[in-house]
């Protein structure tokens, strides 16, 4: 058993060969993602695992019956592996990764087909990442929370509205030289008549609709406000109880960030949504929470030295 590899297995190398030929870059057994994926596409948050049948419990009940030596030992070990795989899947999903697992027998039987599936997903996500770097349209979206319900806007009045029929938060486009916070407060006042007094920044969502329309939405939860709700020329405003909130017709991608409306997070979330021209969600990256980059030590020391030198001049 000591000769059995935990990494760089034959099935891994077979899959790598096909993907490498497509010119895609990946990391192997990377510690940057929980569970050390066999192939990690970090920028697109795709984690690939190549699982051998015996060790990872393929048809476990049938397979274990064929083990006659040290059966109790192998039962416990394989069950731990199965539980570990489930833990890894759940943890990576929480961190915004797409987890792809393939059985060794399938990789050996159709390596090109499986590699092409991975390549298609990664290339589409690479396009999403690059598209998000060129955004020129910016909006805000806020969920106003009164404790037992959220104020939602049922989009029913605006012509040629891509949001027609859906229930969404309140928001709109940033005006020239306007900050997201200022835009959020202005839009809420204009659309609802409410004056924002307290809010929490949730994060940003890049909304890619087809290959033409793209915008970045800055998300907020407003938990303190004053005034009375008025009429809106874009739809009907209504307080929707939190226990029936998710039953309302809304964008499928909204369901990915809505759970965080009531959660405190260490950093703002990032989420990228890609819809086709019919409004169907094709793919998404996240939600994930980028860690703040620490300043380089050498850079900091040089900056301090330069600052001292400048301030010491007469």
C-alpha atoms as a PDB file:
ATOM      1  CA  UNK A   1       0.000   0.000   0.000  1.00  0.00           C
ATOM      2  CA  UNK A   2       2.942   2.355   0.506  1.00  0.00           C
ATOM      3  CA  UNK A   3       3.388   2.502  -3.274  1.00  0.00           C
ATOM      4  CA  UNK A   4      -0.056   4.028  -3.801  1.00  0.00           C
ATOM      5  CA  UNK A   5       0.246   7.694  -4.764  1.00  0.00           C
ATOM      6  CA  UNK A   6      -1.733  10.424  -3.092  1.00  0.00           C
ATOM      7  CA  UNK A   7      -0.913  12.881  -5.887  1.00  0.00           C
ATOM      8  CA  UNK A   8       0.463  12.877  -9.436  1.00  0.00           C
ATOM      9  CA  UNK A   9      -1.525   9.724 -10.135  1.00  0.00           C
ATOM     10  CA  UNK A  10      -1.970   8.291 -13.601  1.00  0.00           C
ATOM     11  CA  UNK A  11      -5.491   9.628 -13.978  1.00  0.00           C
ATOM     12  CA  UNK A  12      -4.346  13.107 -12.910  1.00  0.00           C
ATOM     13  CA  UNK A  13      -1.534  13.113 -15.460  1.00  0.00           C
ATOM     14  CA  UNK A  14      -3.902  11.906 -18.173  1.00  0.00           C
ATOM     15  CA  UNK A  15      -6.291  14.774 -17.550  1.00  0.00           C
ATOM     16  CA  UNK A  16      -3.503  17.345 -17.187  1.00  0.00           C
ATOM     17  CA  UNK A  17      -2.076  16.377 -20.556  1.00  0.00           C
ATOM     18  CA  UNK A  18      -5.338  17.132 -22.346  1.00  0.00           C
ATOM     19  CA  UNK A  19      -5.899  20.443 -20.518  1.00  0.00           C
ATOM     20  CA  UNK A  20      -2.303  21.585 -20.932  1.00  0.00           C
ATOM     21  CA  UNK A  21      -2.637  21.066 -24.692  1.00  0.00           C
ATOM     22  CA  UNK A  22      -5.444  23.652 -24.666  1.00  0.00           C
ATOM     23  CA  UNK A  23      -3.060  26.249 -23.225  1.00  0.00           C
ATOM     24  CA  UNK A  24      -4.791  26.662 -19.866  1.00  0.00           C
ATOM     25  CA  UNK A  25      -2.757  27.309 -16.748  1.00  0.00           C
ATOM     26  CA  UNK A  26      -3.539  25.552 -13.496  1.00  0.00           C
ATOM     27  CA  UNK A  27      -1.966  24.622 -10.170  1.00  0.00           C
ATOM     28  CA  UNK A  28      -1.639  21.057  -8.926  1.00  0.00           C
ATOM     29  CA  UNK A  29      -2.367  19.977  -5.348  1.00  0.00           C
ATOM     30  CA  UNK A  30      -2.444  23.632  -4.382  1.00  0.00           C
ATOM     31  CA  UNK A  31      -2.603  24.646  -0.727  1.00  0.00           C
ATOM     32  CA  UNK A  32      -4.334  27.881  -1.767  1.00  0.00           C
ATOM     33  CA  UNK A  33      -7.688  26.079  -1.731  1.00  0.00           C
ATOM     34  CA  UNK A  34      -9.072  23.826   0.995  1.00  0.00           C
ATOM     35  CA  UNK A  35      -8.600  20.142   0.249  1.00  0.00           C
ATOM     36  CA  UNK A  36      -5.615  20.639  -2.098  1.00  0.00           C
ATOM     37  CA  UNK A  37      -7.490  20.141  -5.416  1.00  0.00           C
ATOM     38  CA  UNK A  38      -5.726  17.997  -7.992  1.00  0.00           C
ATOM     39  CA  UNK A  39      -6.157  20.859 -10.474  1.00  0.00           C
ATOM     40  CA  UNK A  40      -6.909  24.393  -9.355  1.00  0.00           C
ATOM     41  CA  UNK A  41      -7.894  27.243 -11.656  1.00  0.00           C
ATOM     42  CA  UNK A  42      -7.544  29.983  -9.063  1.00  0.00           C
ATOM     43  CA  UNK A  43      -8.685  33.069 -10.990  1.00  0.00           C
ATOM     44  CA  UNK A  44     -11.912  31.376 -12.105  1.00  0.00           C
ATOM     45  CA  UNK A  45     -12.419  29.492  -8.831  1.00  0.00           C
ATOM     46  CA  UNK A  46     -12.670  26.009 -10.309  1.00  0.00           C
ATOM     47  CA  UNK A  47     -11.391  23.041  -8.286  1.00  0.00           C
ATOM     48  CA  UNK A  48     -11.004  19.650  -9.977  1.00  0.00           C
ATOM     49  CA  UNK A  49     -10.564  16.306  -8.217  1.00  0.00           C
ATOM     50  CA  UNK A  50      -9.624  12.987  -9.829  1.00  0.00           C
ATOM     51  CA  UNK A  51     -10.990  10.251  -7.568  1.00  0.00           C
ATOM     52  CA  UNK A  52      -9.952   6.616  -7.653  1.00  0.00           C
ATOM     53  CA  UNK A  53     -12.930   4.316  -7.148  1.00  0.00           C
ATOM     54  CA  UNK A  54     -11.733   2.208  -4.213  1.00  0.00           C
ATOM     55  CA  UNK A  55     -10.309   5.011  -2.058  1.00  0.00           C
ATOM     56  CA  UNK A  56     -13.222   7.396  -2.546  1.00  0.00           C
ATOM     57  CA  UNK A  57     -16.083   4.933  -2.136  1.00  0.00           C
ATOM     58  CA  UNK A  58     -17.488   4.328  -5.607  1.00  0.00           C
ATOM     59  CA  UNK A  59     -20.429   1.939  -5.105  1.00  0.00           C
ATOM     60  CA  UNK A  60     -19.138   1.558  -1.579  1.00  0.00           C
ATOM     61  CA  UNK A  61     -21.621  -1.045  -0.328  1.00  0.00           C
ATOM     62  CA  UNK A  62     -20.839  -3.376  -3.210  1.00  0.00           C
ATOM     63  CA  UNK A  63     -17.088  -2.751  -3.213  1.00  0.00           C
ATOM     64  CA  UNK A  64     -16.566  -3.342   0.514  1.00  0.00           C
ATOM     65  CA  UNK A  65     -18.163  -6.802   0.249  1.00  0.00           C
ATOM     66  CA  UNK A  66     -15.235  -7.856  -1.928  1.00  0.00           C
ATOM     67  CA  UNK A  67     -12.699  -6.960   0.772  1.00  0.00           C
ATOM     68  CA  UNK A  68     -11.789 -10.003   2.878  1.00  0.00           C
ATOM     69  CA  UNK A  69      -8.530  -8.899   4.517  1.00  0.00           C
ATOM     70  CA  UNK A  70      -8.477  -6.274   7.297  1.00  0.00           C
ATOM     71  CA  UNK A  71     -12.008  -5.332   6.345  1.00  0.00           C
ATOM     72  CA  UNK A  72     -12.746  -3.246   9.448  1.00  0.00           C
ATOM     73  CA  UNK A  73      -9.638  -1.151   8.782  1.00  0.00           C
ATOM     74  CA  UNK A  74     -10.567  -0.486   5.156  1.00  0.00           C
ATOM     75  CA  UNK A  75     -14.203   0.219   6.007  1.00  0.00           C
ATOM     76  CA  UNK A  76     -13.185   2.914   8.482  1.00  0.00           C
ATOM     77  CA  UNK A  77     -10.589   4.417   6.137  1.00  0.00           C
ATOM     78  CA  UNK A  78     -12.882   4.640   3.116  1.00  0.00           C
ATOM     79  CA  UNK A  79     -15.734   6.044   5.196  1.00  0.00           C
ATOM     80  CA  UNK A  80     -13.365   8.747   6.444  1.00  0.00           C
ATOM     81  CA  UNK A  81     -12.407   9.516   2.850  1.00  0.00           C
ATOM     82  CA  UNK A  82     -16.064   9.819   1.834  1.00  0.00           C
ATOM     83  CA  UNK A  83     -16.788  12.144   4.763  1.00  0.00           C
ATOM     84  CA  UNK A  84     -13.669  14.162   3.967  1.00  0.00           C
ATOM     85  CA  UNK A  85     -14.743  14.581   0.328  1.00  0.00           C
ATOM     86  CA  UNK A  86     -18.133  15.864   1.480  1.00  0.00           C
ATOM     87  CA  UNK A  87     -16.434  18.298   3.879  1.00  0.00           C
ATOM     88  CA  UNK A  88     -14.124  19.562   1.119  1.00  0.00           C
ATOM     89  CA  UNK A  89     -17.038  20.015  -1.292  1.00  0.00           C
ATOM     90  CA  UNK A  90     -19.057  21.986   1.255  1.00  0.00           C
ATOM     91  CA  UNK A  91     -16.130  24.177   2.321  1.00  0.00           C
ATOM     92  CA  UNK A  92     -15.097  25.033  -1.234  1.00  0.00           C
ATOM     93  CA  UNK A  93     -18.697  25.802  -2.195  1.00  0.00           C
ATOM     94  CA  UNK A  94     -18.929  28.189   0.773  1.00  0.00           C
ATOM     95  CA  UNK A  95     -15.795  29.905  -0.521  1.00  0.00           C
ATOM     96  CA  UNK A  96     -17.308  30.384  -3.972  1.00  0.00           C
ATOM     97  CA  UNK A  97     -15.605  27.546  -5.837  1.00  0.00           C
ATOM     98  CA  UNK A  98     -17.125  25.294  -8.459  1.00  0.00           C
ATOM     99  CA  UNK A  99     -16.110  21.742  -7.518  1.00  0.00           C
ATOM    100  CA  UNK A 100     -15.742  19.170 -10.296  1.00  0.00           C
ATOM    101  CA  UNK A 101     -15.116  15.535  -9.352  1.00  0.00           C
ATOM    102  CA  UNK A 102     -14.417  12.752 -11.832  1.00  0.00           C
ATOM    103  CA  UNK A 103     -13.986   9.025 -11.286  1.00  0.00           C
ATOM    104  CA  UNK A 104     -10.752   7.482 -12.488  1.00  0.00           C
ATOM    105  CA  UNK A 105     -12.538   4.963 -14.723  1.00  0.00           C
ATOM    106  CA  UNK A 106     -14.326   7.803 -16.540  1.00  0.00           C
ATOM    107  CA  UNK A 107     -11.107   9.761 -17.030  1.00  0.00           C
ATOM    108  CA  UNK A 108      -9.416   6.674 -18.481  1.00  0.00           C
ATOM    109  CA  UNK A 109     -12.375   5.938 -20.767  1.00  0.00           C
ATOM    110  CA  UNK A 110     -12.956   9.465 -22.123  1.00  0.00           C
ATOM    111  CA  UNK A 111     -10.132  11.844 -21.167  1.00  0.00           C
ATOM    112  CA  UNK A 112     -10.695  14.223 -24.105  1.00  0.00           C
ATOM    113  CA  UNK A 113     -14.413  14.588 -23.373  1.00  0.00           C
ATOM    114  CA  UNK A 114     -13.884  15.329 -19.682  1.00  0.00           C
ATOM    115  CA  UNK A 115     -11.000  17.696 -20.424  1.00  0.00           C
ATOM    116  CA  UNK A 116     -13.169  19.544 -22.955  1.00  0.00           C
ATOM    117  CA  UNK A 117     -15.895  19.937 -20.326  1.00  0.00           C
ATOM    118  CA  UNK A 118     -13.405  21.523 -17.920  1.00  0.00           C
ATOM    119  CA  UNK A 119     -11.856  23.679 -20.658  1.00  0.00           C
ATOM    120  CA  UNK A 120     -15.277  25.019 -21.705  1.00  0.00           C
ATOM    121  CA  UNK A 121     -16.143  25.994 -18.137  1.00  0.00           C
ATOM    122  CA  UNK A 122     -12.774  27.604 -17.406  1.00  0.00           C
ATOM    123  CA  UNK A 123     -12.669  29.561 -20.687  1.00  0.00           C
ATOM    124  CA  UNK A 124     -16.176  30.888 -20.111  1.00  0.00           C
ATOM    125  CA  UNK A 125     -15.196  31.998 -16.634  1.00  0.00           C
ATOM    126  CA  UNK A 126     -11.992  33.578 -17.918  1.00  0.00           C
ATOM    127  CA  UNK A 127     -14.163  35.646 -20.256  1.00  0.00           C
ATOM    128  CA  UNK A 128     -16.360  36.630 -17.298  1.00  0.00           C
ATOM    129  CA  UNK A 129     -13.332  37.734 -15.270  1.00  0.00           C
ATOM    130  CA  UNK A 130     -11.892  39.777 -18.144  1.00  0.00           C
ATOM    131  CA  UNK A 131     -15.285  41.279 -18.966  1.00  0.00           C
ATOM    132  CA  UNK A 132     -15.639  42.479 -15.390  1.00  0.00           C
ATOM    133  CA  UNK A 133     -12.388  44.412 -15.728  1.00  0.00           C
ATOM    134  CA  UNK A 134     -13.865  46.598 -18.477  1.00  0.00           C
ATOM    135  CA  UNK A 135     -17.174  47.583 -16.867  1.00  0.00           C
ATOM    136  CA  UNK A 136     -18.374  51.123 -17.548  1.00  0.00           C
ATOM    137  CA  UNK A 137     -21.898  50.924 -16.124  1.00  0.00           C
ATOM    138  CA  UNK A 138     -22.370  51.140 -12.350  1.00  0.00           C
ATOM    139  CA  UNK A 139     -25.525  50.871 -10.262  1.00  0.00           C
ATOM    140  CA  UNK A 140     -26.647  50.404  -6.680  1.00  0.00           C
ATOM    141  CA  UNK A 141     -29.133  47.944  -5.209  1.00  0.00           C
ATOM    142  CA  UNK A 142     -30.430  48.232  -1.656  1.00  0.00           C
ATOM    143  CA  UNK A 143     -32.645  46.053   0.512  1.00  0.00           C
ATOM    144  CA  UNK A 144     -34.502  48.148   3.075  1.00  0.00           C
ATOM    145  CA  UNK A 145     -35.004  46.151   6.274  1.00  0.00           C
ATOM    146  CA  UNK A 146     -37.646  47.082   8.831  1.00  0.00           C
ATOM    147  CA  UNK A 147     -37.035  43.979  10.971  1.00  0.00           C
ATOM    148  CA  UNK A 148     -39.799  41.618   9.865  1.00  0.00           C
ATOM    149  CA  UNK A 149     -39.844  42.460   6.148  1.00  0.00           C
ATOM    150  CA  UNK A 150     -37.910  43.910   3.218  1.00  0.00           C
ATOM    151  CA  UNK A 151     -39.183  46.695   0.997  1.00  0.00           C
ATOM    152  CA  UNK A 152     -39.184  45.336  -2.562  1.00  0.00           C
ATOM    153  CA  UNK A 153     -40.035  46.861  -5.896  1.00  0.00           C
ATOM    154  CA  UNK A 154     -42.241  44.838  -8.251  1.00  0.00           C
ATOM    155  CA  UNK A 155     -41.128  46.037 -11.674  1.00  0.00           C
ATOM    156  CA  UNK A 156     -44.378  46.495 -13.607  1.00  0.00           C
ATOM    157  CA  UNK A 157     -44.455  50.034 -15.069  1.00  0.00           C
ATOM    158  CA  UNK A 158     -41.275  50.716 -17.017  1.00  0.00           C
ATOM    159  CA  UNK A 159     -41.259  50.040 -20.780  1.00  0.00           C
ATOM    160  CA  UNK A 160     -38.699  47.612 -22.244  1.00  0.00           C
ATOM    161  CA  UNK A 161     -37.646  46.674 -18.719  1.00  0.00           C
ATOM    162  CA  UNK A 162     -35.351  43.650 -18.468  1.00  0.00           C
ATOM    163  CA  UNK A 163     -36.518  43.382 -14.837  1.00  0.00           C
ATOM    164  CA  UNK A 164     -40.190  43.270 -15.817  1.00  0.00           C
ATOM    165  CA  UNK A 165     -42.273  41.113 -13.481  1.00  0.00           C
ATOM    166  CA  UNK A 166     -39.461  40.565 -10.994  1.00  0.00           C
ATOM    167  CA  UNK A 167     -39.233  41.659  -7.368  1.00  0.00           C
ATOM    168  CA  UNK A 168     -35.947  43.388  -6.619  1.00  0.00           C
ATOM    169  CA  UNK A 169     -34.396  45.839  -4.197  1.00  0.00           C
ATOM    170  CA  UNK A 170     -34.356  49.584  -4.755  1.00  0.00           C
ATOM    171  CA  UNK A 171     -31.592  51.213  -6.759  1.00  0.00           C
ATOM    172  CA  UNK A 172     -30.376  52.761  -9.973  1.00  0.00           C
ATOM    173  CA  UNK A 173     -27.442  54.154 -11.924  1.00  0.00           C
ATOM    174  CA  UNK A 174     -24.653  56.289 -10.537  1.00  0.00           C
ATOM    175  CA  UNK A 175     -24.616  59.798 -11.931  1.00  0.00           C
ATOM    176  CA  UNK A 176     -21.412  61.489 -13.065  1.00  0.00           C
ATOM    177  CA  UNK A 177     -18.914  61.960 -10.205  1.00  0.00           C
ATOM    178  CA  UNK A 178     -21.374  60.379  -7.762  1.00  0.00           C
ATOM    179  CA  UNK A 179     -20.211  57.861  -5.149  1.00  0.00           C
ATOM    180  CA  UNK A 180     -22.077  54.542  -4.712  1.00  0.00           C
ATOM    181  CA  UNK A 181     -23.270  55.574  -1.241  1.00  0.00           C
ATOM    182  CA  UNK A 182     -24.580  58.912  -2.484  1.00  0.00           C
ATOM    183  CA  UNK A 183     -26.301  57.184  -5.410  1.00  0.00           C
ATOM    184  CA  UNK A 184     -27.874  54.605  -3.106  1.00  0.00           C
ATOM    185  CA  UNK A 185     -29.313  57.295  -0.809  1.00  0.00           C
ATOM    186  CA  UNK A 186     -30.544  59.416  -3.721  1.00  0.00           C
ATOM    187  CA  UNK A 187     -32.226  56.493  -5.500  1.00  0.00           C
ATOM    188  CA  UNK A 188     -34.000  55.380  -2.328  1.00  0.00           C
ATOM    189  CA  UNK A 189     -35.268  58.901  -1.669  1.00  0.00           C
ATOM    190  CA  UNK A 190     -36.449  59.336  -5.266  1.00  0.00           C
ATOM    191  CA  UNK A 191     -38.087  55.904  -5.601  1.00  0.00           C
ATOM    192  CA  UNK A 192     -39.522  55.397  -2.116  1.00  0.00           C
ATOM    193  CA  UNK A 193     -39.566  58.744  -0.309  1.00  0.00           C
ATOM    194  CA  UNK A 194     -37.474  57.292   2.522  1.00  0.00           C
ATOM    195  CA  UNK A 195     -34.413  59.007   3.964  1.00  0.00           C
ATOM    196  CA  UNK A 196     -31.523  56.640   4.673  1.00  0.00           C
ATOM    197  CA  UNK A 197     -30.028  56.976   8.152  1.00  0.00           C
ATOM    198  CA  UNK A 198     -28.095  53.715   8.609  1.00  0.00           C
ATOM    199  CA  UNK A 199     -26.806  51.133   6.155  1.00  0.00           C
ATOM    200  CA  UNK A 200     -24.363  48.256   5.686  1.00  0.00           C
ATOM    201  CA  UNK A 201     -22.286  47.673   2.557  1.00  0.00           C
ATOM    202  CA  UNK A 202     -22.707  44.069   1.409  1.00  0.00           C
ATOM    203  CA  UNK A 203     -20.406  43.864  -1.621  1.00  0.00           C
ATOM    204  CA  UNK A 204     -20.419  44.003  -5.403  1.00  0.00           C
ATOM    205  CA  UNK A 205     -22.135  41.925  -8.071  1.00  0.00           C
ATOM    206  CA  UNK A 206     -21.066  41.997 -11.702  1.00  0.00           C
ATOM    207  CA  UNK A 207     -24.169  41.443 -13.811  1.00  0.00           C
ATOM    208  CA  UNK A 208     -23.301  40.180 -17.305  1.00  0.00           C
ATOM    209  CA  UNK A 209     -26.319  39.938 -19.595  1.00  0.00           C
ATOM    210  CA  UNK A 210     -25.499  38.283 -22.897  1.00  0.00           C
ATOM    211  CA  UNK A 211     -22.253  39.488 -24.455  1.00  0.00           C
ATOM    212  CA  UNK A 212     -23.280  43.149 -24.661  1.00  0.00           C
ATOM    213  CA  UNK A 213     -24.776  44.455 -21.434  1.00  0.00           C
ATOM    214  CA  UNK A 214     -22.650  44.479 -18.285  1.00  0.00           C
ATOM    215  CA  UNK A 215     -22.859  46.424 -15.053  1.00  0.00           C
ATOM    216  CA  UNK A 216     -21.514  46.384 -11.517  1.00  0.00           C
ATOM    217  CA  UNK A 217     -24.064  46.597  -8.737  1.00  0.00           C
ATOM    218  CA  UNK A 218     -23.031  47.841  -5.304  1.00  0.00           C
ATOM    219  CA  UNK A 219     -25.199  46.085  -2.724  1.00  0.00           C
ATOM    220  CA  UNK A 220     -26.459  47.596   0.519  1.00  0.00           C
ATOM    221  CA  UNK A 221     -28.736  46.715   3.415  1.00  0.00           C
ATOM    222  CA  UNK A 222     -30.518  49.764   4.846  1.00  0.00           C
ATOM    223  CA  UNK A 223     -31.498  49.131   8.476  1.00  0.00           C
ATOM    224  CA  UNK A 224     -32.353  52.650   9.624  1.00  0.00           C
ATOM    225  CA  UNK A 225     -34.526  55.164   7.794  1.00  0.00           C
ATOM    226  CA  UNK A 226     -37.251  57.748   8.224  1.00  0.00           C
ATOM    227  CA  UNK A 227     -40.270  58.903   6.256  1.00  0.00           C
ATOM    228  CA  UNK A 228     -43.230  57.208   4.624  1.00  0.00           C
ATOM    229  CA  UNK A 229     -43.181  54.956   1.566  1.00  0.00           C
ATOM    230  CA  UNK A 230     -44.632  56.727  -1.466  1.00  0.00           C
ATOM    231  CA  UNK A 231     -45.386  55.854  -5.090  1.00  0.00           C
ATOM    232  CA  UNK A 232     -42.723  54.701  -7.570  1.00  0.00           C
ATOM    233  CA  UNK A 233     -42.944  55.252 -11.322  1.00  0.00           C
ATOM    234  CA  UNK A 234     -41.016  52.035 -12.063  1.00  0.00           C
ATOM    235  CA  UNK A 235     -43.282  49.582 -10.235  1.00  0.00           C
ATOM    236  CA  UNK A 236     -45.183  48.773  -7.072  1.00  0.00           C
ATOM    237  CA  UNK A 237     -43.468  48.987  -3.692  1.00  0.00           C
ATOM    238  CA  UNK A 238     -44.440  46.506  -0.988  1.00  0.00           C
ATOM    239  CA  UNK A 239     -43.139  45.233   2.339  1.00  0.00           C
ATOM    240  CA  UNK A 240     -42.553  41.496   1.882  1.00  0.00           C
ATOM    241  CA  UNK A 241     -42.321  39.361   5.015  1.00  0.00           C
ATOM    242  CA  UNK A 242     -38.960  37.654   5.403  1.00  0.00           C
ATOM    243  CA  UNK A 243     -40.542  34.206   5.708  1.00  0.00           C
ATOM    244  CA  UNK A 244     -42.120  34.549   2.230  1.00  0.00           C
ATOM    245  CA  UNK A 245     -39.432  36.752   0.699  1.00  0.00           C
ATOM    246  CA  UNK A 246     -37.776  34.034  -1.397  1.00  0.00           C
ATOM    247  CA  UNK A 247     -41.066  32.889  -2.912  1.00  0.00           C
ATOM    248  CA  UNK A 248     -41.366  36.041  -5.003  1.00  0.00           C
ATOM    249  CA  UNK A 249     -40.326  35.961  -8.706  1.00  0.00           C
ATOM    250  CA  UNK A 250     -36.755  37.277  -8.847  1.00  0.00           C
ATOM    251  CA  UNK A 251     -33.483  36.832 -10.690  1.00  0.00           C
ATOM    252  CA  UNK A 252     -32.002  33.399 -10.060  1.00  0.00           C
ATOM    253  CA  UNK A 253     -28.631  34.919  -9.240  1.00  0.00           C
ATOM    254  CA  UNK A 254     -30.170  37.038  -6.470  1.00  0.00           C
ATOM    255  CA  UNK A 255     -30.631  33.842  -4.468  1.00  0.00           C
ATOM    256  CA  UNK A 256     -26.842  33.576  -4.226  1.00  0.00           C
ATOM    257  CA  UNK A 257     -26.319  36.831  -2.323  1.00  0.00           C
ATOM    258  CA  UNK A 258     -29.632  37.154  -0.480  1.00  0.00           C
ATOM    259  CA  UNK A 259     -28.545  34.793   2.358  1.00  0.00           C
ATOM    260  CA  UNK A 260     -25.846  37.352   3.213  1.00  0.00           C
ATOM    261  CA  UNK A 261     -28.363  40.127   3.843  1.00  0.00           C
ATOM    262  CA  UNK A 262     -28.488  38.981   7.463  1.00  0.00           C
ATOM    263  CA  UNK A 263     -24.856  37.882   7.860  1.00  0.00           C
ATOM    264  CA  UNK A 264     -21.881  39.841   9.082  1.00  0.00           C
ATOM    265  CA  UNK A 265     -18.848  39.106   6.921  1.00  0.00           C
ATOM    266  CA  UNK A 266     -15.161  39.880   7.391  1.00  0.00           C
ATOM    267  CA  UNK A 267     -14.981  41.583   3.996  1.00  0.00           C
ATOM    268  CA  UNK A 268     -17.420  42.584   1.216  1.00  0.00           C
ATOM    269  CA  UNK A 269     -18.574  39.771  -1.046  1.00  0.00           C
ATOM    270  CA  UNK A 270     -17.762  39.515  -4.740  1.00  0.00           C
ATOM    271  CA  UNK A 271     -20.065  37.750  -7.180  1.00  0.00           C
ATOM    272  CA  UNK A 272     -20.140  37.502 -10.967  1.00  0.00           C
ATOM    273  CA  UNK A 273     -23.325  36.453 -12.744  1.00  0.00           C
ATOM    274  CA  UNK A 274     -23.569  35.556 -16.424  1.00  0.00           C
ATOM    275  CA  UNK A 275     -27.031  35.412 -18.005  1.00  0.00           C
ATOM    276  CA  UNK A 276     -27.848  34.613 -21.615  1.00  0.00           C
ATOM    277  CA  UNK A 277     -30.039  36.876 -23.752  1.00  0.00           C
ATOM    278  CA  UNK A 278     -33.187  35.093 -22.526  1.00  0.00           C
ATOM    279  CA  UNK A 279     -32.444  35.837 -18.870  1.00  0.00           C
ATOM    280  CA  UNK A 280     -31.337  32.331 -17.945  1.00  0.00           C
ATOM    281  CA  UNK A 281     -28.392  32.057 -15.542  1.00  0.00           C
ATOM    282  CA  UNK A 282     -25.538  30.357 -17.415  1.00  0.00           C
ATOM    283  CA  UNK A 283     -22.743  30.501 -14.850  1.00  0.00           C
ATOM    284  CA  UNK A 284     -21.587  32.342 -11.759  1.00  0.00           C
ATOM    285  CA  UNK A 285     -18.367  32.861  -9.830  1.00  0.00           C
ATOM    286  CA  UNK A 286     -18.764  33.255  -6.082  1.00  0.00           C
ATOM    287  CA  UNK A 287     -19.885  34.603  -3.779  1.00  0.00           C
ATOM    288  CA  UNK A 288     -16.392  34.872  -2.343  1.00  0.00           C
ATOM    289  CA  UNK A 289     -14.666  37.255   0.011  1.00  0.00           C
ATOM    290  CA  UNK A 290     -11.278  38.533  -1.205  1.00  0.00           C
ATOM    291  CA  UNK A 291      -8.707  38.956   1.519  1.00  0.00           C
ATOM    292  CA  UNK A 292      -7.109  42.356   1.895  1.00  0.00           C
ATOM    293  CA  UNK A 293      -3.581  42.402   0.555  1.00  0.00           C
ATOM    294  CA  UNK A 294      -0.924  43.096   3.144  1.00  0.00           C
ATOM    295  CA  UNK A 295       1.620  45.765   2.211  1.00  0.00           C
ATOM    296  CA  UNK A 296       5.033  44.426   1.282  1.00  0.00           C
ATOM    297  CA  UNK A 297       7.528  44.825   4.099  1.00  0.00           C
ATOM    298  CA  UNK A 298      10.328  46.171   1.934  1.00  0.00           C
ATOM    299  CA  UNK A 299       7.960  48.613   0.250  1.00  0.00           C
ATOM    300  CA  UNK A 300       6.744  49.851   3.631  1.00  0.00           C
ATOM    301  CA  UNK A 301      10.285  50.344   4.945  1.00  0.00           C
ATOM    302  CA  UNK A 302      11.325  52.239   1.828  1.00  0.00           C
ATOM    303  CA  UNK A 303       8.242  54.452   2.086  1.00  0.00           C
ATOM    304  CA  UNK A 304       8.953  55.183   5.760  1.00  0.00           C
ATOM    305  CA  UNK A 305      12.590  55.991   4.962  1.00  0.00           C
ATOM    306  CA  UNK A 306      11.515  58.311   2.142  1.00  0.00           C
ATOM    307  CA  UNK A 307       8.947  60.015   4.408  1.00  0.00           C
ATOM    308  CA  UNK A 308      11.515  60.602   7.163  1.00  0.00           C
ATOM    309  CA  UNK A 309      13.952  62.003   4.610  1.00  0.00           C
ATOM    310  CA  UNK A 310      11.372  64.406   3.161  1.00  0.00           C
ATOM    311  CA  UNK A 311      10.215  65.634   6.560  1.00  0.00           C
ATOM    312  CA  UNK A 312      13.799  66.184   7.723  1.00  0.00           C
ATOM    313  CA  UNK A 313      14.447  68.733   4.965  1.00  0.00           C
ATOM    314  CA  UNK A 314      14.483  72.395   6.028  1.00  0.00           C
END
